[in-house]
Amino acid sequence: MAIKTYGLMGVDWEERANFERLRTTRLARIKHLLKASEMGALLCFDMNNIRYITATHIGTWAMDKLARFSLLPQDDEPIMWDFGSAARHHQLYAPWLSERSRAGISTQRGAMSPESGRAEDVARKIRIELEERGLLHEPLGVDVVELPVLFALQAEGIQVVDGQQLLQQARLIKTEDEITLLATACMMVDAAYDELYRALKPGIRENECVGLVSKVLYDLGSEHVEGVNAISGERCSPHPHVYTDRALRPGDPAYFDILHSYNGYRTCYYRTFVVGSASQAQVDAYKRCREILDRAINAIKPGVTTADIVKLWPKAEEFGFPNEEAAFALQYGHGVGLSIWEKPIFSRLVSLEHPEAIEEGMVFALETFWPASDGWSAARIEEQLVVTHGGCEVITRFPAEQLLVAGAHYYTATGPLAAIRETQSNLNTQLK
């Protein structure tokens, strides 16, 4: 295997993820793209973009606040305005920022009243930096923005343009250290799935599964468990994308998606199990789900496009949906990095008419879904992979080539209870 994983600590006797190299190569990449663009500077409020550029992080509680912001001017170093004392902390512990770490706060998605002038203060800070560098009349790329801040920037005479596409382009190809961190994040989910497989039994609830997975990941050093989809029984089809407190029953299918972050780098990683035994309909659905996933994985190599891949997947109408928008994200692919949905996107909804080329160094997840013929079961499988020179390497390793049966092994008077059986006992007996 070409892609290595290591221990989770830093050591002096083995080079693992090189964080100094990670910081400098990410910044160099976005600087290069900015220089070649029409933009004079990039203003970021998205915490993932801020982290990519400044290598700062203050906790996932801040992800939805849009309170902190950074500016990357052309031919210069990034400036960070952060939440109160976090700015001082960066000065002490992030020497690559030093005095360029400053206190600053936006409107917190409108929680600050308009009369407080926070939006105008943000715009003023940006104008001063642009003026000092002769960039005030150059377009300013912005990733996401609150409307009051947008209006305040425009009132300062600043032309705001879309900067998100440039940042997505920068994050498209992963560095060797990003790939190491992504593989390590997947390794942690391998462990979580092993614990989950051992725990699944009748009576365990979906929310308990979420708690178990979260504990394993946090114990291993996860920075953030972004979400755990836990879907079981009759909830499997159609896919609801959210867990409940439903208790699992004998014969239930159960599929899970584990999304977490290790040093910022995410996973998106589905697996499907059955509790005690599987019906033939469930086995057949799993085989079909695996087949269409493997067909896509086997076709991945540099030079093919997202359109080439999605053509290998069934149309929405073939698995019970009226159109591709209604079936969106069931046969799907997406880049994974500092966020779980990055470029490239694989979907029959957009990729056939707007294909994206696959390149070496991309990391993305491919996920498939197939409903069972019983009308309520379904299978869901997802693999994360790295595009290599001649193909790809899958970095999600918990076994998924066949449907796994979890729970106790039951024994009858004449031997083990069959692992393939209907959930209703009367359908498994022959009356004579």
Protein backbone atom coordinates (compact mmCIF):
# COMPACT_ATOMS: atom_id res chain seq x y z
CA MET A 1 0.00 0.00 0.00
CA ALA A 2 1.42 3.37 -0.99
CA ILE A 3 -0.54 5.52 1.48
CA LYS A 4 0.75 5.22 5.04
CA THR A 5 -0.88 5.82 8.40
CA TYR A 6 1.04 6.44 11.61
CA GLY A 7 0.51 6.83 15.31
CA LEU A 8 -1.47 9.82 16.50
CA MET A 9 1.33 11.47 18.49
CA GLY A 10 4.29 13.49 17.30
CA VAL A 11 7.63 11.72 17.76
CA ASP A 12 11.28 12.56 17.12
CA TRP A 13 12.21 9.24 15.54
CA GLU A 14 9.73 9.08 12.65
CA GLU A 15 8.39 11.75 10.31
CA ARG A 16 4.63 11.56 10.25
CA ALA A 17 2.45 14.46 9.14
CA ASN A 18 4.78 17.44 8.74
CA PHE A 19 2.64 20.32 9.96
CA GLU A 20 5.06 23.06 9.00
CA ARG A 21 5.11 21.69 5.46
CA LEU A 22 1.31 21.38 5.55
CA ARG A 23 0.93 25.07 6.46
CA THR A 24 3.43 26.38 3.93
CA THR A 25 2.31 24.27 0.97
CA ARG A 26 -1.37 25.13 1.47
CA LEU A 27 -0.61 28.84 1.68
CA ALA A 28 1.72 28.71 -1.32
CA ARG A 29 -0.98 27.04 -3.42
CA ILE A 30 -3.67 29.63 -2.73
CA LYS A 31 -1.17 32.48 -3.16
CA HIS A 32 -0.25 31.13 -6.60
CA LEU A 33 -3.88 30.88 -7.70
CA LEU A 34 -4.69 34.32 -6.32
CA LYS A 35 -1.78 35.83 -8.22
CA ALA A 36 -3.08 34.35 -11.48
CA SER A 37 -6.66 35.54 -10.85
CA GLU A 38 -8.42 38.87 -11.39
CA MET A 39 -8.66 39.39 -7.64
CA GLY A 40 -6.48 41.64 -5.56
CA ALA A 41 -7.21 39.84 -2.29
CA LEU A 42 -9.32 37.11 -0.67
CA LEU A 43 -11.57 37.76 2.31
CA CYS A 44 -12.72 34.58 4.09
CA PHE A 45 -15.39 33.95 6.70
CA ASP A 46 -15.68 30.18 6.13
CA MET A 47 -13.70 28.52 8.92
CA ASN A 48 -12.36 25.82 6.61
CA ASN A 49 -10.96 28.39 4.19
CA ILE A 50 -9.57 30.40 7.10
CA ARG A 51 -7.83 27.29 8.40
CA TYR A 52 -6.42 26.46 4.96
CA ILE A 53 -4.86 29.92 4.67
CA THR A 54 -3.93 30.81 8.27
CA ALA A 55 -3.65 27.40 10.00
CA THR A 56 -5.82 28.61 12.88
CA HIS A 57 -8.70 26.88 14.63
CA ILE A 58 -10.75 27.91 17.67
CA GLY A 59 -13.24 25.07 18.00
CA THR A 60 -16.19 23.82 16.06
CA TRP A 61 -18.64 25.92 18.08
CA ALA A 62 -17.59 28.87 15.90
CA MET A 63 -18.26 27.21 12.54
CA ASP A 64 -21.72 28.68 12.07
CA LYS A 65 -21.09 32.15 13.54
CA LEU A 66 -19.29 33.83 10.58
CA ALA A 67 -17.67 35.96 13.29
CA ARG A 68 -13.95 35.58 12.49
CA PHE A 69 -12.35 36.55 9.19
CA SER A 70 -9.06 36.60 7.34
CA LEU A 71 -7.63 38.63 4.46
CA LEU A 72 -5.02 37.35 1.99
CA PRO A 73 -3.71 40.21 -0.18
CA GLN A 74 -1.78 39.48 -3.36
CA ASP A 75 2.00 39.20 -2.80
CA ASP A 76 1.59 39.39 0.97
CA GLU A 77 0.94 37.31 4.07
CA PRO A 78 -2.53 36.60 5.54
CA ILE A 79 -4.07 38.76 8.26
CA MET A 80 -6.39 37.15 10.80
CA TRP A 81 -9.11 38.87 12.86
CA ASP A 82 -10.28 36.48 15.53
CA PHE A 83 -12.73 36.10 18.37
CA GLY A 84 -11.53 38.14 21.36
CA SER A 85 -8.72 36.48 23.27
CA ALA A 86 -8.20 33.88 20.52
CA ALA A 87 -6.28 36.57 18.64
CA ARG A 88 -3.84 36.94 21.52
CA HIS A 89 -3.51 33.17 21.77
CA HIS A 90 -2.47 32.98 18.10
CA GLN A 91 0.19 35.63 18.74
CA LEU A 92 1.64 33.41 21.46
CA TYR A 93 1.23 29.98 19.88
CA ALA A 94 1.01 30.53 16.10
CA PRO A 95 4.30 32.30 15.31
CA TRP A 96 3.60 32.15 11.58
CA LEU A 97 0.97 34.86 12.21
CA SER A 98 2.56 36.92 15.00
CA GLU A 99 1.31 40.54 14.93
CA ARG A 100 -0.95 39.73 11.96
CA SER A 101 -3.31 38.05 14.44
CA ARG A 102 -5.73 40.74 15.59
CA ALA A 103 -8.98 41.00 17.49
CA GLY A 104 -12.04 41.55 15.32
CA ILE A 105 -15.65 40.47 15.28
CA SER A 106 -18.42 40.50 12.70
CA THR A 107 -22.17 40.62 13.38
CA GLN A 108 -22.45 36.94 14.43
CA ARG A 109 -25.15 36.32 11.86
CA GLY A 110 -27.17 39.31 12.98
CA ALA A 111 -26.97 38.69 16.73
CA MET A 112 -25.19 42.05 17.00
CA SER A 113 -27.69 44.83 16.31
CA PRO A 114 -27.16 46.85 13.11
CA GLU A 115 -26.72 49.95 15.28
CA SER A 116 -23.58 48.42 16.83
CA GLY A 117 -21.71 49.10 13.59
CA ARG A 118 -19.95 45.74 13.49
CA ALA A 119 -20.48 45.29 9.75
CA GLU A 120 -19.06 48.74 9.07
CA ASP A 121 -16.11 48.01 11.34
CA VAL A 122 -15.27 44.86 9.35
CA ALA A 123 -15.47 46.77 6.08
CA ARG A 124 -13.30 49.57 7.46
CA LYS A 125 -10.61 47.15 8.57
CA ILE A 126 -10.53 45.58 5.11
CA ARG A 127 -10.47 48.91 3.29
CA ILE A 128 -7.47 50.10 5.34
CA GLU A 129 -5.45 46.98 4.48
CA LEU A 130 -6.35 47.15 0.80
CA GLU A 131 -5.53 50.87 0.61
CA GLU A 132 -2.12 50.35 2.19
CA ARG A 133 -1.27 47.83 -0.53
CA GLY A 134 -2.77 49.70 -3.47
CA LEU A 135 -5.47 47.05 -3.88
CA LEU A 136 -8.59 49.06 -3.05
CA HIS A 137 -9.73 49.21 -6.66
CA GLU A 138 -9.04 45.56 -7.39
CA PRO A 139 -11.86 42.99 -7.08
CA LEU A 140 -12.09 41.44 -3.62
CA GLY A 141 -12.91 37.72 -3.59
CA VAL A 142 -15.21 36.69 -0.73
CA ASP A 143 -16.22 33.12 0.11
CA VAL A 144 -19.39 33.55 2.23
CA VAL A 145 -20.68 36.76 3.74
CA GLU A 146 -23.46 38.27 5.83
CA LEU A 147 -25.53 40.76 3.85
CA PRO A 148 -24.80 43.72 6.17
CA VAL A 149 -21.05 43.07 5.74
CA LEU A 150 -21.47 42.82 1.96
CA PHE A 151 -23.33 46.14 1.87
CA ALA A 152 -20.72 47.76 4.12
CA LEU A 153 -17.88 46.59 1.88
CA GLN A 154 -19.65 48.00 -1.15
CA ALA A 155 -20.22 51.29 0.69
CA GLU A 156 -16.44 51.51 1.15
CA GLY A 157 -16.06 51.36 -2.64
CA ILE A 158 -14.92 47.72 -2.69
CA GLN A 159 -15.96 45.51 -5.61
CA VAL A 160 -16.94 42.11 -4.18
CA VAL A 161 -16.68 39.02 -6.38
CA ASP A 162 -17.04 35.26 -5.80
CA GLY A 163 -13.87 33.96 -4.16
CA GLN A 164 -15.21 30.55 -3.19
CA GLN A 165 -14.42 28.94 -6.54
CA LEU A 166 -10.76 29.95 -6.27
CA LEU A 167 -10.57 28.45 -2.78
CA GLN A 168 -12.28 25.26 -3.93
CA GLN A 169 -9.72 25.05 -6.73
CA ALA A 170 -6.87 25.47 -4.24
CA ARG A 171 -8.23 22.68 -2.05
CA LEU A 172 -8.90 20.32 -4.97
CA ILE A 173 -5.48 18.61 -5.06
CA LYS A 174 -4.27 17.39 -1.69
CA THR A 175 -0.69 17.64 -0.46
CA GLU A 176 1.08 14.56 0.90
CA ASP A 177 0.42 15.73 4.46
CA GLU A 178 -3.27 16.30 3.76
CA ILE A 179 -3.48 12.75 2.40
CA THR A 180 -1.75 11.41 5.52
CA LEU A 181 -4.26 13.20 7.75
CA LEU A 182 -7.22 12.02 5.67
CA ALA A 183 -6.01 8.41 5.80
CA THR A 184 -5.50 8.72 9.56
CA ALA A 185 -9.04 10.04 9.97
CA CYS A 186 -10.31 6.99 8.07
CA MET A 187 -8.22 4.69 10.28
CA MET A 188 -10.04 6.09 13.30
CA VAL A 189 -13.40 5.30 11.70
CA ASP A 190 -12.19 1.76 10.95
CA ALA A 191 -11.87 1.36 14.72
CA ALA A 192 -15.26 2.93 15.38
CA TYR A 193 -16.94 0.51 12.97
CA ASP A 194 -15.29 -2.45 14.67
CA GLU A 195 -16.72 -1.38 18.03
CA LEU A 196 -20.10 -0.69 16.46
CA TYR A 197 -20.22 -4.10 14.77
CA ARG A 198 -19.54 -5.79 18.11
CA ALA A 199 -22.25 -3.75 19.87
CA LEU A 200 -25.12 -4.14 17.40
CA LYS A 201 -27.90 -6.31 18.80
CA PRO A 202 -31.67 -6.20 19.27
CA GLY A 203 -32.61 -3.38 21.62
CA ILE A 204 -29.70 -1.04 20.98
CA ARG A 205 -31.00 2.31 19.79
CA GLU A 206 -29.77 4.44 16.91
CA ASN A 207 -28.80 7.26 19.28
CA GLU A 208 -26.79 4.81 21.41
CA CYS A 209 -24.88 3.82 18.28
CA VAL A 210 -24.12 7.48 17.68
CA GLY A 211 -22.86 7.84 21.24
CA LEU A 212 -20.66 4.74 20.98
CA VAL A 213 -19.07 5.90 17.72
CA SER A 214 -18.50 9.39 19.09
CA LYS A 215 -16.75 8.03 22.19
CA VAL A 216 -14.41 5.83 20.16
CA LEU A 217 -13.47 8.72 17.90
CA TYR A 218 -12.96 11.27 20.66
CA ASP A 219 -10.92 8.75 22.67
CA LEU A 220 -8.67 8.30 19.63
CA GLY A 221 -8.19 12.06 19.31
CA SER A 222 -10.92 13.24 16.95
CA GLU A 223 -11.25 16.99 16.86
CA HIS A 224 -14.92 16.99 15.91
CA VAL A 225 -17.55 14.32 15.28
CA GLU A 226 -19.47 16.22 12.65
CA GLY A 227 -22.23 13.69 12.37
CA VAL A 228 -23.16 10.03 12.58
CA ASN A 229 -26.03 8.88 10.41
CA ALA A 230 -27.64 5.85 12.07
CA ILE A 231 -30.53 4.47 10.01
CA SER A 232 -32.26 1.18 10.76
CA GLY A 233 -35.18 -1.03 9.91
CA GLU A 234 -38.13 0.49 8.10
CA ARG A 235 -36.37 3.87 8.11
CA CYS A 236 -33.82 2.64 5.56
CA SER A 237 -35.91 3.34 2.47
CA PRO A 238 -36.18 6.15 1.64
CA HIS A 239 -32.99 7.43 3.29
CA PRO A 240 -33.91 10.08 5.93
CA HIS A 241 -30.31 11.32 6.58
CA VAL A 242 -30.84 11.65 10.36
CA TYR A 243 -30.80 9.27 13.35
CA THR A 244 -33.57 8.75 15.93
CA ASP A 245 -34.04 6.76 19.15
CA ARG A 246 -35.45 3.74 17.28
CA ALA A 247 -34.41 0.38 18.77
CA LEU A 248 -32.95 -2.19 16.40
CA ARG A 249 -34.80 -5.48 15.93
CA PRO A 250 -33.79 -8.97 14.72
CA GLY A 251 -33.44 -9.01 10.95
CA ASP A 252 -33.07 -5.23 10.68
CA PRO A 253 -30.75 -3.65 8.17
CA ALA A 254 -28.80 -0.74 9.65
CA TYR A 255 -26.51 1.62 7.79
CA PHE A 256 -24.25 4.31 9.21
CA ASP A 257 -22.29 7.27 7.90
CA ILE A 258 -19.45 8.50 10.12
CA LEU A 259 -18.22 12.04 9.59
CA HIS A 260 -15.47 13.38 11.81
CA SER A 261 -12.37 15.53 11.71
CA TYR A 262 -8.76 14.76 12.58
CA ASN A 263 -6.61 17.91 12.56
CA GLY A 264 -9.27 19.43 10.32
CA TYR A 265 -9.47 16.59 7.77
CA ARG A 266 -12.77 14.80 7.37
CA THR A 267 -14.27 11.42 6.69
CA CYS A 268 -17.50 10.45 4.95
CA TYR A 269 -17.76 6.69 5.33
CA TYR A 270 -20.93 4.51 5.09
CA ARG A 271 -21.31 0.88 6.07
CA THR A 272 -24.36 -1.41 6.14
CA PHE A 273 -25.01 -4.29 8.55
CA VAL A 274 -27.89 -6.59 9.41
CA VAL A 275 -28.82 -7.68 12.93
CA GLY A 276 -28.79 -11.43 13.47
CA SER A 277 -29.68 -12.43 9.92
CA ALA A 278 -30.44 -11.03 6.48
CA SER A 279 -33.31 -11.71 4.13
CA GLN A 280 -32.57 -12.62 0.53
CA ALA A 281 -33.95 -9.23 -0.52
CA GLN A 282 -31.42 -7.50 1.72
CA VAL A 283 -28.56 -9.62 0.39
CA ASP A 284 -29.58 -8.86 -3.18
CA ALA A 285 -29.83 -5.11 -2.48
CA TYR A 286 -26.37 -5.12 -0.92
CA LYS A 287 -24.85 -6.98 -3.88
CA ARG A 288 -26.35 -4.44 -6.28
CA CYS A 289 -25.20 -1.50 -4.16
CA ARG A 290 -21.66 -2.93 -4.03
CA GLU A 291 -21.62 -3.71 -7.74
CA ILE A 292 -22.41 -0.16 -8.85
CA LEU A 293 -19.91 1.24 -6.36
CA ASP A 294 -17.11 -1.05 -7.51
CA ARG A 295 -17.87 -0.28 -11.13
CA ALA A 296 -17.21 3.39 -10.39
CA ILE A 297 -14.10 2.80 -8.26
CA ASN A 298 -12.54 0.56 -10.89
CA ALA A 299 -12.97 3.29 -13.51
CA ILE A 300 -11.22 6.02 -11.49
CA LYS A 301 -7.87 7.17 -12.86
CA PRO A 302 -6.36 10.50 -13.91
CA GLY A 303 -7.89 11.80 -17.12
CA VAL A 304 -11.41 10.38 -16.80
CA THR A 305 -14.19 12.80 -15.89
CA THR A 306 -17.00 12.87 -13.39
CA ALA A 307 -19.36 12.37 -16.33
CA ASP A 308 -17.58 9.12 -17.25
CA ILE A 309 -18.18 7.86 -13.71
CA VAL A 310 -21.82 8.84 -13.25
CA LYS A 311 -22.71 7.23 -16.58
CA LEU A 312 -21.89 3.94 -14.87
CA TRP A 313 -24.58 4.52 -12.25
CA PRO A 314 -28.30 3.79 -12.65
CA LYS A 315 -30.72 6.58 -13.46
CA ALA A 316 -33.03 7.81 -10.72
CA GLU A 317 -36.04 6.15 -12.33
CA GLU A 318 -34.33 2.75 -12.06
CA PHE A 319 -34.47 2.81 -8.26
CA GLY A 320 -37.79 4.48 -7.57
CA PHE A 321 -37.31 8.25 -7.98
CA PRO A 322 -38.91 10.52 -10.58
CA ASN A 323 -35.75 12.48 -11.46
CA GLU A 324 -32.13 13.10 -10.51
CA GLU A 325 -32.93 15.99 -8.18
CA ALA A 326 -35.28 13.77 -6.15
CA ALA A 327 -32.55 11.10 -5.93
CA PHE A 328 -29.70 13.53 -5.28
CA ALA A 329 -26.77 12.20 -3.20
CA LEU A 330 -27.89 8.55 -3.29
CA GLN A 331 -25.53 7.64 -6.17
CA TYR A 332 -22.99 10.33 -5.42
CA GLY A 333 -19.39 11.38 -5.07
CA HIS A 334 -17.72 14.39 -3.50
CA GLY A 335 -14.30 15.70 -2.59
CA VAL A 336 -13.24 15.33 1.03
CA GLY A 337 -10.72 17.55 2.79
CA LEU A 338 -11.19 20.29 5.36
CA SER A 339 -14.91 19.89 4.69
CA ILE A 340 -16.88 16.83 3.66
CA TRP A 341 -18.25 18.22 0.41
CA GLU A 342 -15.57 19.73 -1.78
CA LYS A 343 -14.79 19.49 -5.49
CA PRO A 344 -15.14 17.31 -7.48
CA ILE A 345 -18.85 16.45 -7.36
CA PHE A 346 -20.17 13.26 -8.97
CA SER A 347 -23.90 13.31 -9.67
CA ARG A 348 -26.08 12.63 -12.67
CA LEU A 349 -27.84 15.88 -11.74
CA VAL A 350 -24.85 18.07 -12.72
CA SER A 351 -21.90 15.99 -13.93
CA LEU A 352 -23.20 14.84 -17.32
CA GLU A 353 -23.47 18.39 -18.65
CA HIS A 354 -20.68 19.90 -16.53
CA PRO A 355 -17.96 17.26 -16.20
CA GLU A 356 -14.83 17.77 -14.10
CA ALA A 357 -11.54 16.03 -14.87
CA ILE A 358 -10.09 13.59 -12.36
CA GLU A 359 -6.49 14.37 -11.38
CA GLU A 360 -3.81 12.64 -9.35
CA GLY A 361 -3.85 13.79 -5.72
CA MET A 362 -7.60 14.25 -5.48
CA VAL A 363 -9.31 12.67 -2.48
CA PHE A 364 -13.01 11.97 -2.69
CA ALA A 365 -15.74 9.63 -1.51
CA LEU A 366 -18.03 7.58 -3.72
CA GLU A 367 -21.31 6.40 -2.19
CA THR A 368 -24.13 4.25 -3.53
CA PHE A 369 -27.61 3.23 -2.39
CA TRP A 370 -29.99 0.49 -3.42
CA PRO A 371 -33.50 -0.19 -2.12
CA ALA A 372 -34.47 -3.81 -1.45
CA SER A 373 -37.35 -5.50 -3.21
CA ASP A 374 -39.18 -5.91 0.13
CA GLY A 375 -40.10 -2.20 -0.01
CA TRP A 376 -38.47 -1.12 3.25
CA SER A 377 -34.86 -2.36 3.43
CA ALA A 378 -31.91 -0.79 1.66
CA ALA A 379 -28.14 -0.89 1.41
CA ARG A 380 -25.73 2.04 1.57
CA ILE A 381 -21.95 1.80 1.08
CA GLU A 382 -19.26 4.46 0.76
CA GLU A 383 -15.52 4.39 0.18
CA GLN A 384 -13.00 7.21 0.40
CA LEU A 385 -10.13 7.04 -2.06
CA VAL A 386 -7.01 8.82 -3.26
CA VAL A 387 -6.37 9.21 -6.97
CA THR A 388 -2.92 7.81 -7.80
CA HIS A 389 -0.77 7.91 -10.94
CA GLY A 390 -2.37 4.85 -12.47
CA GLY A 391 -5.72 4.56 -10.71
CA CYS A 392 -6.80 4.99 -7.11
CA GLU A 393 -6.32 3.61 -3.61
CA VAL A 394 -9.21 3.10 -1.19
CA ILE A 395 -8.39 4.38 2.32
CA THR A 396 -11.57 3.18 4.08
CA ARG A 397 -10.74 -0.35 5.20
CA PHE A 398 -13.53 -1.77 7.35
CA PRO A 399 -14.76 -4.85 5.40
CA ALA A 400 -17.63 -4.10 3.04
CA GLU A 401 -17.32 -6.49 0.10
CA GLN A 402 -20.19 -8.59 1.49
CA LEU A 403 -23.09 -7.85 3.81
CA LEU A 404 -21.97 -8.36 7.43
CA VAL A 405 -24.27 -9.97 10.00
CA ALA A 406 -23.89 -8.45 13.48
CA GLY A 407 -25.27 -9.56 16.83
CA ALA A 408 -25.41 -12.91 18.60
CA HIS A 409 -25.08 -16.17 16.69
CA TYR A 410 -28.21 -18.15 17.51
CA TYR A 411 -28.30 -21.94 17.67
CA THR A 412 -31.20 -24.28 17.11
CA ALA A 413 -31.52 -27.89 18.25
CA THR A 414 -30.02 -29.02 14.95
CA GLY A 415 -27.30 -26.41 14.48
CA PRO A 416 -26.69 -22.69 13.82
CA LEU A 417 -29.61 -20.55 12.74
CA ALA A 418 -29.16 -19.57 9.10
CA ALA A 419 -27.64 -16.14 8.51
CA ILE A 420 -29.86 -15.69 5.45
CA ARG A 421 -33.46 -15.89 6.51
CA GLU A 422 -36.67 -13.87 6.39
CA THR A 423 -37.52 -11.64 9.36
CA GLN A 424 -40.86 -13.47 9.78
CA SER A 425 -40.22 -16.98 11.10
CA ASN A 426 -43.22 -18.52 9.38
CA LEU A 427 -41.63 -17.70 6.03
CA ASN A 428 -38.63 -19.84 6.95
CA THR A 429 -40.54 -23.03 7.73
CA GLN A 430 -42.20 -25.59 5.52
CA LEU A 431 -45.51 -26.94 6.86
CA LYS A 432 -45.92 -30.62 6.13
